Amino acid sequence: MISFKSAEFLMRIVVVLVVYFVTAPLTGYFRAWTAEKMGDSTPAQLGFLTLNPIAHVSIWWIVFIIWIQTSFMHFTPIALGKYVPINPHNIQGQWRGLKLACAYLSDSFVNIVLGIISFFVLILTFKADALLFIEQAVSLRSLTLLQPGLSSFQIIVIWFMATFALFNCLVAAFSVISNLFNFVMFYYFEDLLHSSEYSEMILIFGPLLLLYTMISWVWSYVIAFVIGMAYLLAMLVGVI
């Protein structure tokens, strides 16, 4: 017979995997679609202009999800979809800088929107207590320790939507840093990249260095922005 602890562990993995299989196709498809609208059909030619999860999820990230949930359950889950490449040389013409920014930051935009929607659903369900339930779900990491009196459906909603929101906020923080770096390098320092023999190293290790030094700071700001926008939306529609 499966114990409650084992069932909770399996549920945690299933929830994160479902979140990943929903998020990766949406962000990958929108990035490919935006790039094509801006003038670069490279992602579409590589098969990313589809919502088929097989085209976007990575087996390595699936393994990572299972491992991280097994070994470090207090960590906020994260998994990235397959990288959707953009060829900045195909994006030209008037307002090139804006077009490049739209193409590079499109997936970050989707992650932020998904985070806002997730928090908004929690506010719809639990009103002003939504943030409290999210904090409990994150800090306690146990379904049994959530506030007593909640139904099984409410517990599942809290766990799924909190995971969905925080997952997308963390992915958004990662993608904002790496995408902004790539945008700045290709728009402002394109000639330098062409002439430097270290261009590949710059494009690889530059984002990694920024992620190492800035991820916590950027993530906190992304979460604050997402929560603020969700509550603002709730007030505008009269939920709270």
C-alpha atoms as a PDB file:
ATOM      1  CA  MET A   1       0.000   0.000   0.000  1.00  0.00           C
ATOM      2  CA  ILE A   2       1.346   3.420  -0.927  1.00  0.00           C
ATOM      3  CA  SER A   3       1.857   5.751   2.034  1.00  0.00           C
ATOM      4  CA  PHE A   4       0.670   9.356   1.996  1.00  0.00           C
ATOM      5  CA  LYS A   5       4.267  10.543   1.898  1.00  0.00           C
ATOM      6  CA  SER A   6       4.970   8.420  -1.193  1.00  0.00           C
ATOM      7  CA  ALA A   7       1.766   9.604  -2.844  1.00  0.00           C
ATOM      8  CA  GLU A   8       2.710  13.208  -2.102  1.00  0.00           C
ATOM      9  CA  PHE A   9       6.161  12.664  -3.587  1.00  0.00           C
ATOM     10  CA  LEU A  10       4.684  11.170  -6.768  1.00  0.00           C
ATOM     11  CA  MET A  11       2.175  14.002  -6.970  1.00  0.00           C
ATOM     12  CA  ARG A  12       4.962  16.570  -6.683  1.00  0.00           C
ATOM     13  CA  ILE A  13       6.841  15.041  -9.605  1.00  0.00           C
ATOM     14  CA  VAL A  14       3.686  14.707 -11.711  1.00  0.00           C
ATOM     15  CA  VAL A  15       2.725  18.329 -11.043  1.00  0.00           C
ATOM     16  CA  VAL A  16       6.154  19.646 -12.054  1.00  0.00           C
ATOM     17  CA  LEU A  17       6.199  17.482 -15.185  1.00  0.00           C
ATOM     18  CA  VAL A  18       2.720  18.674 -16.191  1.00  0.00           C
ATOM     19  CA  VAL A  19       3.809  22.277 -15.646  1.00  0.00           C
ATOM     20  CA  TYR A  20       6.895  21.656 -17.778  1.00  0.00           C
ATOM     21  CA  PHE A  21       4.933  19.973 -20.584  1.00  0.00           C
ATOM     22  CA  VAL A  22       2.520  22.925 -20.665  1.00  0.00           C
ATOM     23  CA  THR A  23       5.084  25.713 -20.367  1.00  0.00           C
ATOM     24  CA  ALA A  24       7.801  24.524 -22.770  1.00  0.00           C
ATOM     25  CA  PRO A  25       5.585  24.254 -25.897  1.00  0.00           C
ATOM     26  CA  LEU A  26       3.894  27.605 -25.218  1.00  0.00           C
ATOM     27  CA  THR A  27       7.137  29.530 -24.770  1.00  0.00           C
ATOM     28  CA  GLY A  28       8.943  27.740 -27.606  1.00  0.00           C
ATOM     29  CA  TYR A  29       6.069  28.207 -30.040  1.00  0.00           C
ATOM     30  CA  PHE A  30       5.632  31.890 -29.203  1.00  0.00           C
ATOM     31  CA  ARG A  31       9.365  32.553 -29.568  1.00  0.00           C
ATOM     32  CA  ALA A  32       9.373  30.837 -32.985  1.00  0.00           C
ATOM     33  CA  TRP A  33       6.210  32.691 -34.043  1.00  0.00           C
ATOM     34  CA  THR A  34       7.562  36.070 -32.912  1.00  0.00           C
ATOM     35  CA  ALA A  35      10.911  35.496 -34.620  1.00  0.00           C
ATOM     36  CA  GLU A  36       9.126  34.683 -37.878  1.00  0.00           C
ATOM     37  CA  LYS A  37       6.990  37.823 -37.604  1.00  0.00           C
ATOM     38  CA  MET A  38      10.150  39.869 -37.026  1.00  0.00           C
ATOM     39  CA  GLY A  39      11.784  38.403 -40.150  1.00  0.00           C
ATOM     40  CA  ASP A  40      13.638  35.260 -39.035  1.00  0.00           C
ATOM     41  CA  SER A  41      12.163  31.935 -40.114  1.00  0.00           C
ATOM     42  CA  THR A  42      15.004  29.866 -38.626  1.00  0.00           C
ATOM     43  CA  PRO A  43      12.949  28.516 -35.668  1.00  0.00           C
ATOM     44  CA  ALA A  44      10.068  27.609 -37.986  1.00  0.00           C
ATOM     45  CA  GLN A  45      12.417  25.789 -40.363  1.00  0.00           C
ATOM     46  CA  LEU A  46      13.807  23.823 -37.420  1.00  0.00           C
ATOM     47  CA  GLY A  47      10.330  22.658 -36.430  1.00  0.00           C
ATOM     48  CA  PHE A  48       9.669  24.851 -33.403  1.00  0.00           C
ATOM     49  CA  LEU A  49       6.565  26.555 -34.810  1.00  0.00           C
ATOM     50  CA  THR A  50       4.320  23.934 -33.237  1.00  0.00           C
ATOM     51  CA  LEU A  51       2.622  23.291 -29.898  1.00  0.00           C
ATOM     52  CA  ASN A  52       3.604  19.616 -30.009  1.00  0.00           C
ATOM     53  CA  PRO A  53       5.426  18.997 -26.690  1.00  0.00           C
ATOM     54  CA  ILE A  54       7.803  16.534 -28.374  1.00  0.00           C
ATOM     55  CA  ALA A  55       9.323  19.408 -30.342  1.00  0.00           C
ATOM     56  CA  HIS A  56      10.013  21.445 -27.208  1.00  0.00           C
ATOM     57  CA  VAL A  57      10.600  19.284 -24.124  1.00  0.00           C
ATOM     58  CA  SER A  58      14.029  17.868 -23.379  1.00  0.00           C
ATOM     59  CA  ILE A  59      14.593  14.399 -21.947  1.00  0.00           C
ATOM     60  CA  TRP A  60      17.553  15.749 -19.988  1.00  0.00           C
ATOM     61  CA  TRP A  61      15.390  18.314 -18.240  1.00  0.00           C
ATOM     62  CA  ILE A  62      12.820  15.615 -17.444  1.00  0.00           C
ATOM     63  CA  VAL A  63      15.566  13.579 -15.783  1.00  0.00           C
ATOM     64  CA  PHE A  64      16.724  16.723 -13.974  1.00  0.00           C
ATOM     65  CA  ILE A  65      13.192  17.384 -12.675  1.00  0.00           C
ATOM     66  CA  ILE A  66      12.908  13.879 -11.232  1.00  0.00           C
ATOM     67  CA  TRP A  67      16.392  14.065  -9.723  1.00  0.00           C
ATOM     68  CA  ILE A  68      15.941  17.520  -8.177  1.00  0.00           C
ATOM     69  CA  GLN A  69      12.558  16.603  -6.707  1.00  0.00           C
ATOM     70  CA  THR A  70      14.029  13.414  -5.297  1.00  0.00           C
ATOM     71  CA  SER A  71      17.213  14.876  -3.856  1.00  0.00           C
ATOM     72  CA  PHE A  72      16.470  18.538  -3.158  1.00  0.00           C
ATOM     73  CA  MET A  73      12.725  18.852  -2.662  1.00  0.00           C
ATOM     74  CA  HIS A  74      13.127  22.302  -1.066  1.00  0.00           C
ATOM     75  CA  PHE A  75      14.385  23.716  -4.375  1.00  0.00           C
ATOM     76  CA  THR A  76      11.964  25.585  -6.619  1.00  0.00           C
ATOM     77  CA  PRO A  77      11.640  23.408  -9.739  1.00  0.00           C
ATOM     78  CA  ILE A  78      12.994  24.653 -13.047  1.00  0.00           C
ATOM     79  CA  ALA A  79      13.328  23.125 -16.487  1.00  0.00           C
ATOM     80  CA  LEU A  80      13.937  24.803 -19.801  1.00  0.00           C
ATOM     81  CA  GLY A  81      12.542  23.752 -23.138  1.00  0.00           C
ATOM     82  CA  LYS A  82      14.759  23.034 -26.110  1.00  0.00           C
ATOM     83  CA  TYR A  83      16.653  26.123 -27.160  1.00  0.00           C
ATOM     84  CA  VAL A  84      14.912  27.968 -29.989  1.00  0.00           C
ATOM     85  CA  PRO A  85      17.714  29.643 -31.983  1.00  0.00           C
ATOM     86  CA  ILE A  86      17.306  33.073 -33.527  1.00  0.00           C
ATOM     87  CA  ASN A  87      19.470  34.330 -36.372  1.00  0.00           C
ATOM     88  CA  PRO A  88      19.737  38.093 -35.743  1.00  0.00           C
ATOM     89  CA  HIS A  89      21.163  38.681 -39.229  1.00  0.00           C
ATOM     90  CA  ASN A  90      17.763  37.811 -40.704  1.00  0.00           C
ATOM     91  CA  ILE A  91      16.078  40.561 -38.715  1.00  0.00           C
ATOM     92  CA  GLN A  92      16.732  43.821 -40.526  1.00  0.00           C
ATOM     93  CA  GLY A  93      14.978  46.984 -41.643  1.00  0.00           C
ATOM     94  CA  GLN A  94      13.379  49.823 -39.742  1.00  0.00           C
ATOM     95  CA  TRP A  95      13.080  49.435 -35.982  1.00  0.00           C
ATOM     96  CA  ARG A  96      15.574  46.560 -36.028  1.00  0.00           C
ATOM     97  CA  GLY A  97      16.404  47.033 -32.357  1.00  0.00           C
ATOM     98  CA  LEU A  98      12.762  46.738 -31.342  1.00  0.00           C
ATOM     99  CA  LYS A  99      12.301  43.695 -33.571  1.00  0.00           C
ATOM    100  CA  LEU A 100      15.335  41.978 -32.048  1.00  0.00           C
ATOM    101  CA  ALA A 101      14.125  42.771 -28.540  1.00  0.00           C
ATOM    102  CA  CYS A 102      10.685  41.331 -29.310  1.00  0.00           C
ATOM    103  CA  ALA A 103      12.194  38.163 -30.762  1.00  0.00           C
ATOM    104  CA  TYR A 104      14.694  37.573 -27.969  1.00  0.00           C
ATOM    105  CA  LEU A 105      12.374  38.436 -25.068  1.00  0.00           C
ATOM    106  CA  SER A 106       9.224  36.773 -26.405  1.00  0.00           C
ATOM    107  CA  ASP A 107       9.597  33.595 -24.343  1.00  0.00           C
ATOM    108  CA  SER A 108      10.311  35.641 -21.205  1.00  0.00           C
ATOM    109  CA  PHE A 109       7.080  37.532 -21.869  1.00  0.00           C
ATOM    110  CA  VAL A 110       5.106  34.279 -22.065  1.00  0.00           C
ATOM    111  CA  ASN A 111       6.593  33.010 -18.796  1.00  0.00           C
ATOM    112  CA  ILE A 112       5.648  36.241 -17.030  1.00  0.00           C
ATOM    113  CA  VAL A 113       2.103  36.141 -18.442  1.00  0.00           C
ATOM    114  CA  LEU A 114       1.704  32.513 -17.336  1.00  0.00           C
ATOM    115  CA  GLY A 115       2.936  33.466 -13.875  1.00  0.00           C
ATOM    116  CA  ILE A 116       0.400  36.301 -13.662  1.00  0.00           C
ATOM    117  CA  ILE A 117      -2.416  33.996 -14.790  1.00  0.00           C
ATOM    118  CA  SER A 118      -1.419  31.398 -12.181  1.00  0.00           C
ATOM    119  CA  PHE A 119      -1.425  33.890  -9.316  1.00  0.00           C
ATOM    120  CA  PHE A 120      -4.689  35.384 -10.595  1.00  0.00           C
ATOM    121  CA  VAL A 121      -6.371  31.955 -10.514  1.00  0.00           C
ATOM    122  CA  LEU A 122      -5.225  31.545  -6.911  1.00  0.00           C
ATOM    123  CA  ILE A 123      -6.664  34.960  -6.059  1.00  0.00           C
ATOM    124  CA  LEU A 124      -9.947  33.994  -7.729  1.00  0.00           C
ATOM    125  CA  THR A 125     -10.036  30.842  -5.620  1.00  0.00           C
ATOM    126  CA  PHE A 126      -8.786  32.097  -2.259  1.00  0.00           C
ATOM    127  CA  LYS A 127      -9.204  35.902  -2.455  1.00  0.00           C
ATOM    128  CA  ALA A 128      -6.829  37.826  -0.175  1.00  0.00           C
ATOM    129  CA  ASP A 129      -5.424  34.611   1.369  1.00  0.00           C
ATOM    130  CA  ALA A 130      -3.873  33.503  -1.935  1.00  0.00           C
ATOM    131  CA  LEU A 131      -0.399  34.848  -1.172  1.00  0.00           C
ATOM    132  CA  LEU A 132      -0.435  33.223   2.280  1.00  0.00           C
ATOM    133  CA  PHE A 133      -1.227  29.824   0.765  1.00  0.00           C
ATOM    134  CA  ILE A 134       1.541  30.244  -1.805  1.00  0.00           C
ATOM    135  CA  GLU A 135       4.074  31.070   0.899  1.00  0.00           C
ATOM    136  CA  GLN A 136       2.971  28.009   2.879  1.00  0.00           C
ATOM    137  CA  ALA A 137       3.176  25.729  -0.146  1.00  0.00           C
ATOM    138  CA  VAL A 138       6.695  26.961  -0.883  1.00  0.00           C
ATOM    139  CA  SER A 139       8.109  27.030   2.641  1.00  0.00           C
ATOM    140  CA  LEU A 140       6.472  23.878   4.028  1.00  0.00           C
ATOM    141  CA  ARG A 141       6.774  21.726   0.894  1.00  0.00           C
ATOM    142  CA  SER A 142       4.175  19.409   2.345  1.00  0.00           C
ATOM    143  CA  LEU A 143       0.504  19.055   1.550  1.00  0.00           C
ATOM    144  CA  THR A 144      -0.236  17.830   5.071  1.00  0.00           C
ATOM    145  CA  LEU A 145       1.017  21.054   6.645  1.00  0.00           C
ATOM    146  CA  LEU A 146      -1.209  23.420   4.693  1.00  0.00           C
ATOM    147  CA  GLN A 147      -3.988  25.104   6.645  1.00  0.00           C
ATOM    148  CA  PRO A 148      -6.541  22.639   8.050  1.00  0.00           C
ATOM    149  CA  GLY A 149     -10.036  22.699   6.658  1.00  0.00           C
ATOM    150  CA  LEU A 150      -8.992  22.826   3.022  1.00  0.00           C
ATOM    151  CA  SER A 151     -10.627  20.353   0.677  1.00  0.00           C
ATOM    152  CA  SER A 152      -8.574  17.981  -1.454  1.00  0.00           C
ATOM    153  CA  PHE A 153      -9.485  20.033  -4.517  1.00  0.00           C
ATOM    154  CA  GLN A 154      -8.278  23.253  -2.875  1.00  0.00           C
ATOM    155  CA  ILE A 155      -4.998  21.618  -1.867  1.00  0.00           C
ATOM    156  CA  ILE A 156      -4.417  20.389  -5.427  1.00  0.00           C
ATOM    157  CA  VAL A 157      -5.226  23.844  -6.825  1.00  0.00           C
ATOM    158  CA  ILE A 158      -2.801  25.506  -4.393  1.00  0.00           C
ATOM    159  CA  TRP A 159      -0.020  23.050  -5.136  1.00  0.00           C
ATOM    160  CA  PHE A 160      -0.439  23.094  -8.904  1.00  0.00           C
ATOM    161  CA  MET A 161      -0.932  26.832  -9.363  1.00  0.00           C
ATOM    162  CA  ALA A 162       1.829  27.756  -6.904  1.00  0.00           C
ATOM    163  CA  THR A 163       4.213  25.409  -8.713  1.00  0.00           C
ATOM    164  CA  PHE A 164       3.069  26.745 -12.090  1.00  0.00           C
ATOM    165  CA  ALA A 165       3.560  30.355 -11.002  1.00  0.00           C
ATOM    166  CA  LEU A 166       6.947  29.956  -9.314  1.00  0.00           C
ATOM    167  CA  PHE A 167       8.223  27.691 -12.095  1.00  0.00           C
ATOM    168  CA  ASN A 168       7.418  30.315 -14.719  1.00  0.00           C
ATOM    169  CA  CYS A 169       8.820  33.149 -12.605  1.00  0.00           C
ATOM    170  CA  LEU A 170      12.132  31.322 -12.231  1.00  0.00           C
ATOM    171  CA  VAL A 171      12.295  30.419 -15.930  1.00  0.00           C
ATOM    172  CA  ALA A 172      11.427  34.036 -16.757  1.00  0.00           C
ATOM    173  CA  ALA A 173      14.303  35.262 -14.586  1.00  0.00           C
ATOM    174  CA  PHE A 174      16.712  32.897 -16.356  1.00  0.00           C
ATOM    175  CA  SER A 175      15.497  33.830 -19.812  1.00  0.00           C
ATOM    176  CA  VAL A 176      15.404  37.587 -19.144  1.00  0.00           C
ATOM    177  CA  ILE A 177      19.066  37.559 -18.152  1.00  0.00           C
ATOM    178  CA  SER A 178      20.290  35.371 -21.021  1.00  0.00           C
ATOM    179  CA  ASN A 179      18.026  36.945 -23.645  1.00  0.00           C
ATOM    180  CA  LEU A 180      18.916  40.511 -22.677  1.00  0.00           C
ATOM    181  CA  PHE A 181      22.594  39.613 -22.874  1.00  0.00           C
ATOM    182  CA  ASN A 182      22.182  38.143 -26.363  1.00  0.00           C
ATOM    183  CA  PHE A 183      20.114  41.114 -27.514  1.00  0.00           C
ATOM    184  CA  VAL A 184      22.686  43.630 -26.275  1.00  0.00           C
ATOM    185  CA  MET A 185      25.585  41.713 -27.814  1.00  0.00           C
ATOM    186  CA  PHE A 186      23.971  41.255 -31.235  1.00  0.00           C
ATOM    187  CA  TYR A 187      22.502  44.740 -31.454  1.00  0.00           C
ATOM    188  CA  TYR A 188      25.218  46.916 -29.926  1.00  0.00           C
ATOM    189  CA  PHE A 189      28.349  44.770 -30.325  1.00  0.00           C
ATOM    190  CA  GLU A 190      27.638  42.819 -33.503  1.00  0.00           C
ATOM    191  CA  ASP A 191      30.848  43.990 -35.194  1.00  0.00           C
ATOM    192  CA  LEU A 192      32.874  42.968 -32.147  1.00  0.00           C
ATOM    193  CA  LEU A 193      31.394  39.466 -32.237  1.00  0.00           C
ATOM    194  CA  HIS A 194      32.260  39.131 -35.922  1.00  0.00           C
ATOM    195  CA  SER A 195      35.868  40.206 -35.414  1.00  0.00           C
ATOM    196  CA  SER A 196      36.618  38.466 -32.120  1.00  0.00           C
ATOM    197  CA  GLU A 197      37.922  34.925 -32.016  1.00  0.00           C
ATOM    198  CA  TYR A 198      36.367  34.616 -28.561  1.00  0.00           C
ATOM    199  CA  SER A 199      32.818  35.403 -29.674  1.00  0.00           C
ATOM    200  CA  GLU A 200      31.523  31.895 -28.939  1.00  0.00           C
ATOM    201  CA  MET A 201      33.043  31.946 -25.458  1.00  0.00           C
ATOM    202  CA  ILE A 202      31.497  35.366 -24.812  1.00  0.00           C
ATOM    203  CA  LEU A 203      28.045  34.153 -25.852  1.00  0.00           C
ATOM    204  CA  ILE A 204      28.355  31.023 -23.693  1.00  0.00           C
ATOM    205  CA  PHE A 205      30.054  32.242 -20.528  1.00  0.00           C
ATOM    206  CA  GLY A 206      28.638  35.775 -20.500  1.00  0.00           C
ATOM    207  CA  PRO A 207      25.073  34.685 -19.667  1.00  0.00           C
ATOM    208  CA  LEU A 208      26.366  32.045 -17.232  1.00  0.00           C
ATOM    209  CA  LEU A 209      28.303  34.672 -15.288  1.00  0.00           C
ATOM    210  CA  LEU A 210      25.300  36.987 -15.173  1.00  0.00           C
ATOM    211  CA  LEU A 211      23.036  34.131 -14.089  1.00  0.00           C
ATOM    212  CA  TYR A 212      25.410  33.224 -11.275  1.00  0.00           C
ATOM    213  CA  THR A 213      25.593  36.777  -9.960  1.00  0.00           C
ATOM    214  CA  MET A 214      22.082  38.092 -10.648  1.00  0.00           C
ATOM    215  CA  ILE A 215      19.549  35.247 -10.717  1.00  0.00           C
ATOM    216  CA  SER A 216      18.322  35.622  -7.118  1.00  0.00           C
ATOM    217  CA  TRP A 217      17.931  39.380  -7.477  1.00  0.00           C
ATOM    218  CA  VAL A 218      16.141  39.179 -10.825  1.00  0.00           C
ATOM    219  CA  TRP A 219      13.904  36.327  -9.637  1.00  0.00           C
ATOM    220  CA  SER A 220      12.746  38.334  -6.613  1.00  0.00           C
ATOM    221  CA  TYR A 221      11.840  41.268  -8.848  1.00  0.00           C
ATOM    222  CA  VAL A 222      10.022  39.021 -11.330  1.00  0.00           C
ATOM    223  CA  ILE A 223       7.961  37.456  -8.529  1.00  0.00           C
ATOM    224  CA  ALA A 224       7.143  40.869  -7.061  1.00  0.00           C
ATOM    225  CA  PHE A 225       6.069  42.152 -10.481  1.00  0.00           C
ATOM    226  CA  VAL A 226       3.971  39.079 -11.266  1.00  0.00           C
ATOM    227  CA  ILE A 227       2.195  39.118  -7.892  1.00  0.00           C
ATOM    228  CA  GLY A 228       1.589  42.857  -8.154  1.00  0.00           C
ATOM    229  CA  MET A 229       0.101  42.532 -11.638  1.00  0.00           C
ATOM    230  CA  ALA A 230      -2.104  39.609 -10.555  1.00  0.00           C
ATOM    231  CA  TYR A 231      -3.504  41.568  -7.604  1.00  0.00           C
ATOM    232  CA  LEU A 232      -3.968  44.652  -9.795  1.00  0.00           C
ATOM    233  CA  LEU A 233      -5.895  42.558 -12.319  1.00  0.00           C
ATOM    234  CA  ALA A 234      -7.997  41.099  -9.504  1.00  0.00           C
ATOM    235  CA  MET A 235      -8.850  44.587  -8.238  1.00  0.00           C
ATOM    236  CA  LEU A 236      -9.711  45.807 -11.729  1.00  0.00           C
ATOM    237  CA  VAL A 237     -12.204  42.978 -12.270  1.00  0.00           C
ATOM    238  CA  GLY A 238     -13.610  43.361  -8.758  1.00  0.00           C
ATOM    239  CA  VAL A 239     -12.426  40.058  -7.299  1.00  0.00           C
ATOM    240  CA  ILE A 240     -10.881  41.709  -4.229  1.00  0.00           C
END
